[in-house]
Amino acid sequence: MSKPMQVSEAAYAVLSAQKRPGESFSAVILRCVPQPIDTFGELLTHLRTKKGSLADPEFLKELRRRKQNPKLSARKSRAH
């Protein structure tokens, strides 16, 4: 059973960016939004069963690029 819902343009953009080929938006939400974690044991279980990276792969690439050229990183941080 599905339920209609409305999301902001910003939320739609975030969901779309996380969407993998052939994946539904419901699957994106279930993959990206963790169930509430109340104990350390639940956190540990969540981290052990999570597939893929905890961070966006493109973001990690950018961090690696900045690490290789510290001048880029310094320039970026001053601009913000």
N, C-alpha and C. Protein backbone atom coordinates (compact mmCIF):
# COMPACT_ATOMS: atom_id res chain seq x y z
N MET A 1 0.84 -1.18 0.00
CA MET A 1 0.00 0.00 0.00
C MET A 1 0.89 1.24 0.00
N SER A 2 0.55 2.21 -0.80
CA SER A 2 1.34 3.43 -0.84
C SER A 2 0.50 4.61 -0.36
N LYS A 3 1.17 5.65 0.07
CA LYS A 3 0.51 6.85 0.57
C LYS A 3 1.06 8.04 -0.22
N PRO A 4 0.18 8.93 -0.67
CA PRO A 4 0.68 10.13 -1.34
C PRO A 4 1.29 11.08 -0.31
N MET A 5 2.29 11.81 -0.73
CA MET A 5 2.91 12.79 0.17
C MET A 5 3.50 13.93 -0.64
N GLN A 6 3.68 15.05 0.00
CA GLN A 6 4.29 16.20 -0.65
C GLN A 6 5.63 16.46 0.01
N VAL A 7 6.61 16.81 -0.80
CA VAL A 7 7.91 17.19 -0.28
C VAL A 7 8.31 18.50 -0.95
N SER A 8 9.17 19.24 -0.29
CA SER A 8 9.65 20.50 -0.86
C SER A 8 10.55 20.21 -2.06
N GLU A 9 10.81 21.23 -2.85
CA GLU A 9 11.73 21.08 -3.99
C GLU A 9 13.11 20.65 -3.51
N ALA A 10 13.54 21.21 -2.38
CA ALA A 10 14.86 20.87 -1.83
C ALA A 10 14.90 19.39 -1.42
N ALA A 11 13.85 18.91 -0.77
CA ALA A 11 13.81 17.51 -0.35
C ALA A 11 13.79 16.59 -1.57
N TYR A 12 13.04 16.97 -2.59
CA TYR A 12 12.98 16.18 -3.83
C TYR A 12 14.37 16.10 -4.47
N ALA A 13 15.08 17.22 -4.49
CA ALA A 13 16.42 17.25 -5.07
C ALA A 13 17.37 16.31 -4.32
N VAL A 14 17.27 16.31 -2.99
CA VAL A 14 18.12 15.44 -2.18
C VAL A 14 17.79 13.97 -2.45
N LEU A 15 16.51 13.64 -2.48
CA LEU A 15 16.11 12.26 -2.76
C LEU A 15 16.55 11.84 -4.16
N SER A 16 16.35 12.71 -5.13
CA SER A 16 16.74 12.40 -6.51
C SER A 16 18.23 12.15 -6.63
N ALA A 17 19.04 12.93 -5.90
CA ALA A 17 20.49 12.77 -5.95
C ALA A 17 20.93 11.43 -5.37
N GLN A 18 20.17 10.91 -4.41
CA GLN A 18 20.52 9.64 -3.77
C GLN A 18 19.98 8.43 -4.54
N LYS A 19 19.06 8.67 -5.46
CA LYS A 19 18.38 7.59 -6.17
C LYS A 19 19.33 6.86 -7.11
N ARG A 20 19.34 5.55 -7.02
CA ARG A 20 20.14 4.70 -7.89
C ARG A 20 19.29 4.24 -9.07
N PRO A 21 19.92 3.84 -10.18
CA PRO A 21 19.13 3.39 -11.34
C PRO A 21 18.16 2.27 -10.95
N GLY A 22 16.91 2.43 -11.36
CA GLY A 22 15.89 1.43 -11.09
C GLY A 22 15.33 1.43 -9.68
N GLU A 23 15.78 2.34 -8.85
CA GLU A 23 15.35 2.38 -7.45
C GLU A 23 14.15 3.33 -7.30
N SER A 24 13.20 2.95 -6.49
CA SER A 24 12.05 3.82 -6.21
C SER A 24 12.42 4.82 -5.11
N PHE A 25 11.63 5.88 -5.02
CA PHE A 25 11.86 6.84 -3.95
C PHE A 25 11.63 6.20 -2.58
N SER A 26 10.70 5.26 -2.50
CA SER A 26 10.49 4.55 -1.23
C SER A 26 11.75 3.79 -0.82
N ALA A 27 12.39 3.15 -1.80
CA ALA A 27 13.62 2.41 -1.51
C ALA A 27 14.73 3.35 -1.06
N VAL A 28 14.80 4.54 -1.67
CA VAL A 28 15.80 5.54 -1.27
C VAL A 28 15.59 5.93 0.18
N ILE A 29 14.35 6.21 0.53
CA ILE A 29 14.03 6.62 1.91
C ILE A 29 14.39 5.50 2.89
N LEU A 30 14.00 4.28 2.58
CA LEU A 30 14.30 3.15 3.48
C LEU A 30 15.81 2.91 3.60
N ARG A 31 16.54 3.17 2.51
CA ARG A 31 17.99 2.95 2.53
C ARG A 31 18.71 4.07 3.29
N CYS A 32 18.24 5.29 3.13
CA CYS A 32 18.98 6.45 3.65
C CYS A 32 18.54 6.93 5.03
N VAL A 33 17.31 6.66 5.39
CA VAL A 33 16.81 7.15 6.68
C VAL A 33 16.81 5.99 7.68
N PRO A 34 17.69 6.06 8.66
CA PRO A 34 17.76 4.96 9.61
C PRO A 34 16.56 4.96 10.57
N GLN A 35 16.26 3.78 11.07
CA GLN A 35 15.26 3.68 12.11
C GLN A 35 15.83 4.37 13.35
N PRO A 36 14.97 4.84 14.25
CA PRO A 36 15.48 5.46 15.46
C PRO A 36 16.44 4.51 16.20
N ILE A 37 17.55 5.07 16.65
CA ILE A 37 18.57 4.29 17.35
C ILE A 37 18.59 4.76 18.79
N ASP A 38 18.28 3.84 19.71
CA ASP A 38 18.18 4.20 21.11
C ASP A 38 19.35 3.71 21.96
N THR A 39 20.05 2.68 21.49
CA THR A 39 21.13 2.12 22.29
C THR A 39 22.39 1.99 21.43
N PHE A 40 23.53 1.83 22.10
CA PHE A 40 24.77 1.62 21.38
C PHE A 40 24.71 0.33 20.57
N GLY A 41 24.08 -0.68 21.10
CA GLY A 41 23.94 -1.95 20.39
C GLY A 41 23.17 -1.77 19.08
N GLU A 42 22.10 -0.97 19.11
CA GLU A 42 21.35 -0.69 17.89
C GLU A 42 22.20 0.09 16.89
N LEU A 43 23.00 1.03 17.38
CA LEU A 43 23.91 1.77 16.51
C LEU A 43 24.92 0.84 15.87
N LEU A 44 25.49 -0.03 16.66
CA LEU A 44 26.47 -0.98 16.14
C LEU A 44 25.85 -1.89 15.09
N THR A 45 24.65 -2.38 15.35
CA THR A 45 23.94 -3.22 14.37
C THR A 45 23.69 -2.44 13.09
N HIS A 46 23.25 -1.20 13.23
CA HIS A 46 22.98 -0.36 12.06
C HIS A 46 24.26 -0.19 11.22
N LEU A 47 25.37 0.14 11.86
CA LEU A 47 26.62 0.36 11.13
C LEU A 47 27.13 -0.92 10.48
N ARG A 48 26.95 -2.05 11.12
CA ARG A 48 27.41 -3.33 10.57
C ARG A 48 26.56 -3.76 9.36
N THR A 49 25.29 -3.41 9.36
CA THR A 49 24.41 -3.87 8.29
C THR A 49 24.26 -2.85 7.16
N LYS A 50 24.74 -1.64 7.38
CA LYS A 50 24.63 -0.60 6.34
C LYS A 50 25.51 -0.96 5.17
N LYS A 51 24.93 -0.96 3.99
CA LYS A 51 25.69 -1.25 2.79
C LYS A 51 26.21 0.05 2.21
N GLY A 52 27.40 0.01 1.69
CA GLY A 52 27.97 1.18 1.05
C GLY A 52 28.59 2.13 2.05
N SER A 53 28.95 3.28 1.56
CA SER A 53 29.64 4.29 2.34
C SER A 53 28.66 5.06 3.22
N LEU A 54 29.15 5.57 4.32
CA LEU A 54 28.33 6.41 5.17
C LEU A 54 28.26 7.84 4.63
N ALA A 55 29.13 8.16 3.70
CA ALA A 55 29.15 9.50 3.11
C ALA A 55 28.95 9.40 1.61
N ASP A 56 28.52 10.49 1.03
CA ASP A 56 28.31 10.58 -0.41
C ASP A 56 29.65 10.38 -1.13
N PRO A 57 29.71 9.44 -2.08
CA PRO A 57 30.97 9.18 -2.79
C PRO A 57 31.55 10.41 -3.48
N GLU A 58 30.71 11.27 -4.03
CA GLU A 58 31.21 12.48 -4.69
C GLU A 58 31.83 13.43 -3.66
N PHE A 59 31.22 13.51 -2.48
CA PHE A 59 31.77 14.34 -1.41
C PHE A 59 33.14 13.81 -0.98
N LEU A 60 33.28 12.49 -0.87
CA LEU A 60 34.56 11.90 -0.50
C LEU A 60 35.63 12.18 -1.56
N LYS A 61 35.26 12.13 -2.84
CA LYS A 61 36.20 12.46 -3.92
C LYS A 61 36.70 13.89 -3.77
N GLU A 62 35.75 14.80 -3.49
CA GLU A 62 36.12 16.21 -3.32
C GLU A 62 37.06 16.39 -2.13
N LEU A 63 36.79 15.70 -1.02
CA LEU A 63 37.68 15.79 0.14
C LEU A 63 39.08 15.29 -0.20
N ARG A 64 39.16 14.17 -0.95
CA ARG A 64 40.47 13.65 -1.34
C ARG A 64 41.20 14.64 -2.25
N ARG A 65 40.47 15.26 -3.16
CA ARG A 65 41.07 16.24 -4.07
C ARG A 65 41.63 17.42 -3.27
N ARG A 66 40.86 17.89 -2.31
CA ARG A 66 41.33 19.01 -1.47
C ARG A 66 42.54 18.63 -0.63
N LYS A 67 42.53 17.39 -0.15
CA LYS A 67 43.65 16.93 0.68
C LYS A 67 44.95 16.93 -0.13
N GLN A 68 44.84 16.58 -1.42
CA GLN A 68 46.02 16.55 -2.28
C GLN A 68 46.51 17.95 -2.62
N ASN A 69 45.63 18.94 -2.56
CA ASN A 69 46.01 20.31 -2.87
C ASN A 69 45.46 21.22 -1.77
N PRO A 70 46.22 21.39 -0.67
CA PRO A 70 45.73 22.17 0.47
C PRO A 70 45.36 23.62 0.12
N LYS A 71 45.97 24.18 -0.92
CA LYS A 71 45.64 25.55 -1.31
C LYS A 71 44.18 25.67 -1.73
N LEU A 72 43.66 24.65 -2.41
CA LEU A 72 42.25 24.65 -2.80
C LEU A 72 41.36 24.65 -1.57
N SER A 73 41.71 23.86 -0.59
CA SER A 73 40.91 23.76 0.62
C SER A 73 40.89 25.09 1.36
N ALA A 74 42.05 25.75 1.48
CA ALA A 74 42.13 27.03 2.19
C ALA A 74 41.31 28.09 1.46
N ARG A 75 41.39 28.12 0.13
CA ARG A 75 40.64 29.07 -0.65
C ARG A 75 39.14 28.85 -0.48
N LYS A 76 38.71 27.60 -0.52
CA LYS A 76 37.29 27.27 -0.37
C LYS A 76 36.76 27.71 1.00
N SER A 77 37.54 27.43 2.06
CA SER A 77 37.04 27.72 3.40
C SER A 77 36.94 29.22 3.62
N ARG A 78 37.81 30.02 3.00
CA ARG A 78 37.70 31.47 3.14
C ARG A 78 36.50 32.03 2.41
N ALA A 79 36.09 31.34 1.35
CA ALA A 79 34.95 31.83 0.56
C ALA A 79 33.64 31.63 1.29
N HIS A 80 33.58 30.72 2.26
CA HIS A 80 32.31 30.42 2.96
C HIS A 80 32.19 31.16 4.21
